[in-house]
Amino acid sequence: MMALQKRYANYHLYLTGERQDDSALYAKAEVGGLIVKQSTPSAVFAFGSHNMTNAMVAYLENERRKADLAKDLSGLISML
């Protein structure tokens, strides 16, 4: 990605460690995905690439598993 940014003047990559609460991610396997920025100015990035879709589905499944684990651990701690 860094090589692309150096090679193409119109390619920009911004990485942050902050969670973006005004964004939503949607993906459906074998169909595609959406990344939506809901605050003003709003923006939508849609993709149908098989690799991008699979990566987004895997990411969202992993996030769901982490949330489920956190919920289960919270329940176990409250029982102590």
PDB file of N, CA and C in Angstrom:
ATOM      1  N   MET A   1       0.826  -1.186   0.000  1.00  0.00           N
ATOM      2  CA  MET A   1       0.000   0.000   0.000  1.00  0.00           C
ATOM      3  C   MET A   1       0.870   1.249   0.000  1.00  0.00           C
ATOM      4  N   MET A   2       1.960   1.181   0.732  1.00  0.00           N
ATOM      5  CA  MET A   2       2.850   2.343   0.759  1.00  0.00           C
ATOM      6  C   MET A   2       3.468   2.579  -0.623  1.00  0.00           C
ATOM      7  N   ALA A   3       3.784   1.507  -1.326  1.00  0.00           N
ATOM      8  CA  ALA A   3       4.341   1.651  -2.677  1.00  0.00           C
ATOM      9  C   ALA A   3       3.328   2.292  -3.617  1.00  0.00           C
ATOM     10  N   LEU A   4       2.051   1.912  -3.465  1.00  0.00           N
ATOM     11  CA  LEU A   4       1.006   2.522  -4.288  1.00  0.00           C
ATOM     12  C   LEU A   4       0.877   4.007  -3.991  1.00  0.00           C
ATOM     13  N   GLN A   5       0.968   4.367  -2.719  1.00  0.00           N
ATOM     14  CA  GLN A   5       0.844   5.769  -2.336  1.00  0.00           C
ATOM     15  C   GLN A   5       2.001   6.591  -2.900  1.00  0.00           C
ATOM     16  N   LYS A   6       3.191   6.019  -2.937  1.00  0.00           N
ATOM     17  CA  LYS A   6       4.342   6.728  -3.495  1.00  0.00           C
ATOM     18  C   LYS A   6       4.256   6.829  -5.019  1.00  0.00           C
ATOM     19  N   ARG A   7       3.692   5.793  -5.632  1.00  0.00           N
ATOM     20  CA  ARG A   7       3.649   5.736  -7.086  1.00  0.00           C
ATOM     21  C   ARG A   7       2.547   6.591  -7.699  1.00  0.00           C
ATOM     22  N   TYR A   8       1.376   6.646  -7.034  1.00  0.00           N
ATOM     23  CA  TYR A   8       0.231   7.351  -7.599  1.00  0.00           C
ATOM     24  C   TYR A   8      -0.137   8.554  -6.736  1.00  0.00           C
ATOM     25  N   ALA A   9      -0.171   9.722  -7.332  1.00  0.00           N
ATOM     26  CA  ALA A   9      -0.453  10.959  -6.597  1.00  0.00           C
ATOM     27  C   ALA A   9      -1.873  11.001  -6.043  1.00  0.00           C
ATOM     28  N   ASN A  10      -2.812  10.307  -6.679  1.00  0.00           N
ATOM     29  CA  ASN A  10      -4.202  10.362  -6.230  1.00  0.00           C
ATOM     30  C   ASN A  10      -4.569   9.205  -5.302  1.00  0.00           C
ATOM     31  N   TYR A  11      -3.584   8.423  -4.858  1.00  0.00           N
ATOM     32  CA  TYR A  11      -3.829   7.311  -3.928  1.00  0.00           C
ATOM     33  C   TYR A  11      -3.480   7.787  -2.529  1.00  0.00           C
ATOM     34  N   HIS A  12      -4.446   7.751  -1.639  1.00  0.00           N
ATOM     35  CA  HIS A  12      -4.229   8.211  -0.271  1.00  0.00           C
ATOM     36  C   HIS A  12      -4.667   7.131   0.702  1.00  0.00           C
ATOM     37  N   LEU A  13      -3.855   6.880   1.693  1.00  0.00           N
ATOM     38  CA  LEU A  13      -4.145   5.885   2.710  1.00  0.00           C
ATOM     39  C   LEU A  13      -3.999   6.547   4.070  1.00  0.00           C
ATOM     40  N   TYR A  14      -5.043   6.487   4.868  1.00  0.00           N
ATOM     41  CA  TYR A  14      -5.022   7.070   6.201  1.00  0.00           C
ATOM     42  C   TYR A  14      -5.328   5.981   7.215  1.00  0.00           C
ATOM     43  N   LEU A  15      -4.441   5.777   8.154  1.00  0.00           N
ATOM     44  CA  LEU A  15      -4.633   4.785   9.202  1.00  0.00           C
ATOM     45  C   LEU A  15      -4.786   5.503  10.532  1.00  0.00           C
ATOM     46  N   THR A  16      -5.763   5.077  11.311  1.00  0.00           N
ATOM     47  CA  THR A  16      -5.937   5.636  12.637  1.00  0.00           C
ATOM     48  C   THR A  16      -6.124   4.491  13.622  1.00  0.00           C
ATOM     49  N   GLY A  17      -5.785   4.734  14.855  1.00  0.00           N
ATOM     50  CA  GLY A  17      -6.008   3.748  15.893  1.00  0.00           C
ATOM     51  C   GLY A  17      -7.357   3.942  16.545  1.00  0.00           C
ATOM     52  N   GLU A  18      -8.062   4.972  16.108  1.00  0.00           N
ATOM     53  CA  GLU A  18      -9.348   5.315  16.710  1.00  0.00           C
ATOM     54  C   GLU A  18     -10.482   4.568  16.024  1.00  0.00           C
ATOM     55  N   ARG A  19     -11.461   4.190  16.822  1.00  0.00           N
ATOM     56  CA  ARG A  19     -12.661   3.553  16.271  1.00  0.00           C
ATOM     57  C   ARG A  19     -13.574   4.645  15.704  1.00  0.00           C
ATOM     58  N   GLN A  20     -14.088   4.420  14.522  1.00  0.00           N
ATOM     59  CA  GLN A  20     -14.960   5.382  13.865  1.00  0.00           C
ATOM     60  C   GLN A  20     -16.411   5.011  14.132  1.00  0.00           C
ATOM     61  N   ASP A  21     -17.044   5.695  15.076  1.00  0.00           N
ATOM     62  CA  ASP A  21     -18.413   5.363  15.449  1.00  0.00           C
ATOM     63  C   ASP A  21     -19.456   5.845  14.442  1.00  0.00           C
ATOM     64  N   ASP A  22     -19.055   6.681  13.499  1.00  0.00           N
ATOM     65  CA  ASP A  22     -20.011   7.178  12.514  1.00  0.00           C
ATOM     66  C   ASP A  22     -19.979   6.343  11.227  1.00  0.00           C
ATOM     67  N   SER A  23     -19.347   5.184  11.288  1.00  0.00           N
ATOM     68  CA  SER A  23     -19.242   4.323  10.119  1.00  0.00           C
ATOM     69  C   SER A  23     -19.980   3.012  10.348  1.00  0.00           C
ATOM     70  N   ALA A  24     -20.431   2.433   9.260  1.00  0.00           N
ATOM     71  CA  ALA A  24     -21.098   1.138   9.325  1.00  0.00           C
ATOM     72  C   ALA A  24     -20.511   0.240   8.241  1.00  0.00           C
ATOM     73  N   LEU A  25     -20.367  -1.032   8.576  1.00  0.00           N
ATOM     74  CA  LEU A  25     -19.834  -2.014   7.639  1.00  0.00           C
ATOM     75  C   LEU A  25     -20.915  -3.051   7.360  1.00  0.00           C
ATOM     76  N   TYR A  26     -21.111  -3.366   6.103  1.00  0.00           N
ATOM     77  CA  TYR A  26     -22.088  -4.375   5.701  1.00  0.00           C
ATOM     78  C   TYR A  26     -21.413  -5.301   4.689  1.00  0.00           C
ATOM     79  N   ALA A  27     -21.648  -6.595   4.825  1.00  0.00           N
ATOM     80  CA  ALA A  27     -21.101  -7.537   3.853  1.00  0.00           C
ATOM     81  C   ALA A  27     -21.986  -8.766   3.778  1.00  0.00           C
ATOM     82  N   LYS A  28     -22.086  -9.327   2.597  1.00  0.00           N
ATOM     83  CA  LYS A  28     -22.804 -10.575   2.386  1.00  0.00           C
ATOM     84  C   LYS A  28     -21.926 -11.431   1.491  1.00  0.00           C
ATOM     85  N   ALA A  29     -21.604 -12.621   1.992  1.00  0.00           N
ATOM     86  CA  ALA A  29     -20.732 -13.522   1.242  1.00  0.00           C
ATOM     87  C   ALA A  29     -21.271 -13.748  -0.158  1.00  0.00           C
ATOM     88  N   GLU A  30     -20.369 -13.795  -1.112  1.00  0.00           N
ATOM     89  CA  GLU A  30     -20.680 -14.035  -2.525  1.00  0.00           C
ATOM     90  C   GLU A  30     -21.465 -12.903  -3.186  1.00  0.00           C
ATOM     91  N   VAL A  31     -21.707 -11.793  -2.459  1.00  0.00           N
ATOM     92  CA  VAL A  31     -22.459 -10.679  -3.033  1.00  0.00           C
ATOM     93  C   VAL A  31     -21.598  -9.423  -3.085  1.00  0.00           C
ATOM     94  N   GLY A  32     -21.142  -8.934  -1.931  1.00  0.00           N
ATOM     95  CA  GLY A  32     -20.346  -7.724  -1.891  1.00  0.00           C
ATOM     96  C   GLY A  32     -20.440  -7.059  -0.538  1.00  0.00           C
ATOM     97  N   GLY A  33     -19.952  -5.849  -0.478  1.00  0.00           N
ATOM     98  CA  GLY A  33     -19.957  -5.145   0.793  1.00  0.00           C
ATOM     99  C   GLY A  33     -20.081  -3.647   0.632  1.00  0.00           C
ATOM    100  N   LEU A  34     -20.388  -3.001   1.750  1.00  0.00           N
ATOM    101  CA  LEU A  34     -20.510  -1.545   1.811  1.00  0.00           C
ATOM    102  C   LEU A  34     -19.786  -1.040   3.044  1.00  0.00           C
ATOM    103  N   ILE A  35     -19.110   0.067   2.890  1.00  0.00           N
ATOM    104  CA  ILE A  35     -18.582   0.822   4.021  1.00  0.00           C
ATOM    105  C   ILE A  35     -19.262   2.180   3.930  1.00  0.00           C
ATOM    106  N   VAL A  36     -19.989   2.561   4.978  1.00  0.00           N
ATOM    107  CA  VAL A  36     -20.791   3.783   4.955  1.00  0.00           C
ATOM    108  C   VAL A  36     -20.334   4.717   6.056  1.00  0.00           C
ATOM    109  N   LYS A  37     -20.028   5.950   5.687  1.00  0.00           N
ATOM    110  CA  LYS A  37     -19.743   7.009   6.663  1.00  0.00           C
ATOM    111  C   LYS A  37     -21.023   7.819   6.793  1.00  0.00           C
ATOM    112  N   GLN A  38     -21.591   7.812   8.003  1.00  0.00           N
ATOM    113  CA  GLN A  38     -22.914   8.386   8.181  1.00  0.00           C
ATOM    114  C   GLN A  38     -22.913   9.864   8.538  1.00  0.00           C
ATOM    115  N   SER A  39     -21.799  10.377   9.037  1.00  0.00           N
ATOM    116  CA  SER A  39     -21.774  11.793   9.400  1.00  0.00           C
ATOM    117  C   SER A  39     -21.557  12.646   8.146  1.00  0.00           C
ATOM    118  N   THR A  40     -21.830  13.921   8.278  1.00  0.00           N
ATOM    119  CA  THR A  40     -21.711  14.857   7.160  1.00  0.00           C
ATOM    120  C   THR A  40     -20.251  15.223   6.943  1.00  0.00           C
ATOM    121  N   PRO A  41     -19.743  15.208   5.758  1.00  0.00           N
ATOM    122  CA  PRO A  41     -20.373  14.741   4.530  1.00  0.00           C
ATOM    123  C   PRO A  41     -20.361  13.210   4.493  1.00  0.00           C
ATOM    124  N   SER A  42     -21.478  12.632   4.126  1.00  0.00           N
ATOM    125  CA  SER A  42     -21.581  11.179   4.103  1.00  0.00           C
ATOM    126  C   SER A  42     -20.857  10.621   2.875  1.00  0.00           C
ATOM    127  N   ALA A  43     -20.499   9.353   2.974  1.00  0.00           N
ATOM    128  CA  ALA A  43     -19.813   8.699   1.868  1.00  0.00           C
ATOM    129  C   ALA A  43     -20.139   7.212   1.911  1.00  0.00           C
ATOM    130  N   VAL A  44     -20.124   6.580   0.749  1.00  0.00           N
ATOM    131  CA  VAL A  44     -20.370   5.146   0.643  1.00  0.00           C
ATOM    132  C   VAL A  44     -19.306   4.554  -0.276  1.00  0.00           C
ATOM    133  N   PHE A  45     -18.691   3.469   0.185  1.00  0.00           N
ATOM    134  CA  PHE A  45     -17.747   2.714  -0.622  1.00  0.00           C
ATOM    135  C   PHE A  45     -18.342   1.328  -0.810  1.00  0.00           C
ATOM    136  N   ALA A  46     -18.656   0.968  -2.039  1.00  0.00           N
ATOM    137  CA  ALA A  46     -19.253  -0.334  -2.340  1.00  0.00           C
ATOM    138  C   ALA A  46     -18.257  -1.163  -3.126  1.00  0.00           C
ATOM    139  N   PHE A  47     -18.233  -2.458  -2.857  1.00  0.00           N
ATOM    140  CA  PHE A  47     -17.325  -3.333  -3.587  1.00  0.00           C
ATOM    141  C   PHE A  47     -17.967  -4.690  -3.805  1.00  0.00           C
ATOM    142  N   GLY A  48     -17.573  -5.329  -4.886  1.00  0.00           N
ATOM    143  CA  GLY A  48     -18.079  -6.648  -5.212  1.00  0.00           C
ATOM    144  C   GLY A  48     -16.963  -7.644  -5.448  1.00  0.00           C
ATOM    145  N   SER A  49     -15.715  -7.192  -5.274  1.00  0.00           N
ATOM    146  CA  SER A  49     -14.574  -8.069  -5.456  1.00  0.00           C
ATOM    147  C   SER A  49     -14.658  -9.258  -4.502  1.00  0.00           C
ATOM    148  N   HIS A  50     -14.438 -10.449  -5.019  1.00  0.00           N
ATOM    149  CA  HIS A  50     -14.526 -11.662  -4.223  1.00  0.00           C
ATOM    150  C   HIS A  50     -13.563 -11.608  -3.023  1.00  0.00           C
ATOM    151  N   ASN A  51     -12.324 -11.179  -3.255  1.00  0.00           N
ATOM    152  CA  ASN A  51     -11.338 -11.124  -2.170  1.00  0.00           C
ATOM    153  C   ASN A  51     -11.708 -10.086  -1.114  1.00  0.00           C
ATOM    154  N   MET A  52     -12.147  -8.925  -1.553  1.00  0.00           N
ATOM    155  CA  MET A  52     -12.553  -7.881  -0.600  1.00  0.00           C
ATOM    156  C   MET A  52     -13.769  -8.330   0.205  1.00  0.00           C
ATOM    157  N   THR A  53     -14.727  -8.964  -0.463  1.00  0.00           N
ATOM    158  CA  THR A  53     -15.923  -9.439   0.221  1.00  0.00           C
ATOM    159  C   THR A  53     -15.564 -10.490   1.265  1.00  0.00           C
ATOM    160  N   ASN A  54     -14.736 -11.455   0.886  1.00  0.00           N
ATOM    161  CA  ASN A  54     -14.324 -12.484   1.839  1.00  0.00           C
ATOM    162  C   ASN A  54     -13.584 -11.898   3.028  1.00  0.00           C
ATOM    163  N   ALA A  55     -12.719 -10.929   2.780  1.00  0.00           N
ATOM    164  CA  ALA A  55     -11.987 -10.289   3.872  1.00  0.00           C
ATOM    165  C   ALA A  55     -12.941  -9.558   4.814  1.00  0.00           C
ATOM    166  N   MET A  56     -13.928  -8.857   4.263  1.00  0.00           N
ATOM    167  CA  MET A  56     -14.876  -8.122   5.096  1.00  0.00           C
ATOM    168  C   MET A  56     -15.753  -9.083   5.894  1.00  0.00           C
ATOM    169  N   VAL A  57     -16.222 -10.150   5.277  1.00  0.00           N
ATOM    170  CA  VAL A  57     -17.038 -11.141   5.979  1.00  0.00           C
ATOM    171  C   VAL A  57     -16.230 -11.759   7.123  1.00  0.00           C
ATOM    172  N   ALA A  58     -14.980 -12.120   6.873  1.00  0.00           N
ATOM    173  CA  ALA A  58     -14.132 -12.701   7.915  1.00  0.00           C
ATOM    174  C   ALA A  58     -13.914 -11.709   9.053  1.00  0.00           C
ATOM    175  N   TYR A  59     -13.671 -10.450   8.716  1.00  0.00           N
ATOM    176  CA  TYR A  59     -13.481  -9.418   9.744  1.00  0.00           C
ATOM    177  C   TYR A  59     -14.731  -9.263  10.605  1.00  0.00           C
ATOM    178  N   LEU A  60     -15.892  -9.174   9.972  1.00  0.00           N
ATOM    179  CA  LEU A  60     -17.135  -8.987  10.723  1.00  0.00           C
ATOM    180  C   LEU A  60     -17.460 -10.207  11.582  1.00  0.00           C
ATOM    181  N   GLU A  61     -17.186 -11.410  11.078  1.00  0.00           N
ATOM    182  CA  GLU A  61     -17.411 -12.613  11.882  1.00  0.00           C
ATOM    183  C   GLU A  61     -16.489 -12.629  13.098  1.00  0.00           C
ATOM    184  N   ASN A  62     -15.246 -12.220  12.916  1.00  0.00           N
ATOM    185  CA  ASN A  62     -14.301 -12.148  14.030  1.00  0.00           C
ATOM    186  C   ASN A  62     -14.743 -11.120  15.070  1.00  0.00           C
ATOM    187  N   GLU A  63     -15.221  -9.974  14.616  1.00  0.00           N
ATOM    188  CA  GLU A  63     -15.710  -8.948  15.550  1.00  0.00           C
ATOM    189  C   GLU A  63     -16.920  -9.457  16.329  1.00  0.00           C
ATOM    190  N   ARG A  64     -17.799 -10.191  15.663  1.00  0.00           N
ATOM    191  CA  ARG A  64     -18.969 -10.753  16.338  1.00  0.00           C
ATOM    192  C   ARG A  64     -18.548 -11.769  17.397  1.00  0.00           C
ATOM    193  N   ARG A  65     -17.572 -12.623  17.053  1.00  0.00           N
ATOM    194  CA  ARG A  65     -17.074 -13.607  18.025  1.00  0.00           C
ATOM    195  C   ARG A  65     -16.462 -12.926  19.233  1.00  0.00           C
ATOM    196  N   LYS A  66     -15.707 -11.855  19.015  1.00  0.00           N
ATOM    197  CA  LYS A  66     -15.113 -11.121  20.140  1.00  0.00           C
ATOM    198  C   LYS A  66     -16.190 -10.504  21.021  1.00  0.00           C
ATOM    199  N   ALA A  67     -17.234  -9.956  20.416  1.00  0.00           N
ATOM    200  CA  ALA A  67     -18.327  -9.360  21.189  1.00  0.00           C
ATOM    201  C   ALA A  67     -19.061 -10.432  21.982  1.00  0.00           C
ATOM    202  N   ASP A  68     -19.297 -11.596  21.380  1.00  0.00           N
ATOM    203  CA  ASP A  68     -19.961 -12.692  22.082  1.00  0.00           C
ATOM    204  C   ASP A  68     -19.120 -13.178  23.255  1.00  0.00           C
ATOM    205  N   LEU A  69     -17.810 -13.287  23.054  1.00  0.00           N
ATOM    206  CA  LEU A  69     -16.918 -13.719  24.122  1.00  0.00           C
ATOM    207  C   LEU A  69     -16.923 -12.719  25.273  1.00  0.00           C
ATOM    208  N   ALA A  70     -16.877 -11.434  24.953  1.00  0.00           N
ATOM    209  CA  ALA A  70     -16.901 -10.398  25.989  1.00  0.00           C
ATOM    210  C   ALA A  70     -18.203 -10.464  26.783  1.00  0.00           C
ATOM    211  N   LYS A  71     -19.301 -10.713  26.108  1.00  0.00           N
ATOM    212  CA  LYS A  71     -20.595 -10.829  26.773  1.00  0.00           C
ATOM    213  C   LYS A  71     -20.608 -12.046  27.698  1.00  0.00           C
ATOM    214  N   ASP A  72     -20.097 -13.189  27.223  1.00  0.00           N
ATOM    215  CA  ASP A  72     -20.043 -14.400  28.038  1.00  0.00           C
ATOM    216  C   ASP A  72     -19.151 -14.197  29.265  1.00  0.00           C
ATOM    217  N   LEU A  73     -18.004 -13.582  29.067  1.00  0.00           N
ATOM    218  CA  LEU A  73     -17.109 -13.332  30.198  1.00  0.00           C
ATOM    219  C   LEU A  73     -17.726 -12.396  31.214  1.00  0.00           C
ATOM    220  N   SER A  74     -18.426 -11.391  30.731  1.00  0.00           N
ATOM    221  CA  SER A  74     -19.109 -10.453  31.640  1.00  0.00           C
ATOM    222  C   SER A  74     -20.145 -11.185  32.466  1.00  0.00           C
ATOM    223  N   GLY A  75     -20.893 -12.105  31.843  1.00  0.00           N
ATOM    224  CA  GLY A  75     -21.894 -12.885  32.557  1.00  0.00           C
ATOM    225  C   GLY A  75     -21.254 -13.783  33.603  1.00  0.00           C
ATOM    226  N   LEU A  76     -20.133 -14.405  33.285  1.00  0.00           N
ATOM    227  CA  LEU A  76     -19.448 -15.265  34.244  1.00  0.00           C
ATOM    228  C   LEU A  76     -18.901 -14.457  35.427  1.00  0.00           C
ATOM    229  N   ILE A  77     -18.355 -13.290  35.134  1.00  0.00           N
ATOM    230  CA  ILE A  77     -17.822 -12.437  36.207  1.00  0.00           C
ATOM    231  C   ILE A  77     -18.940 -11.981  37.137  1.00  0.00           C
ATOM    232  N   SER A  78     -20.086 -11.651  36.581  1.00  0.00           N
ATOM    233  CA  SER A  78     -21.202 -11.196  37.427  1.00  0.00           C
ATOM    234  C   SER A  78     -21.737 -12.313  38.318  1.00  0.00           C
ATOM    235  N   MET A  79     -21.520 -13.572  37.910  1.00  0.00           N
ATOM    236  CA  MET A  79     -21.974 -14.697  38.722  1.00  0.00           C
ATOM    237  C   MET A  79     -21.037 -14.974  39.910  1.00  0.00           C
ATOM    238  N   LEU A  80     -19.838 -14.421  39.876  1.00  0.00           N
ATOM    239  CA  LEU A  80     -18.876 -14.659  40.966  1.00  0.00           C
ATOM    240  C   LEU A  80     -19.227 -13.904  42.222  1.00  0.00           C
TER     241      LEU A  80
END
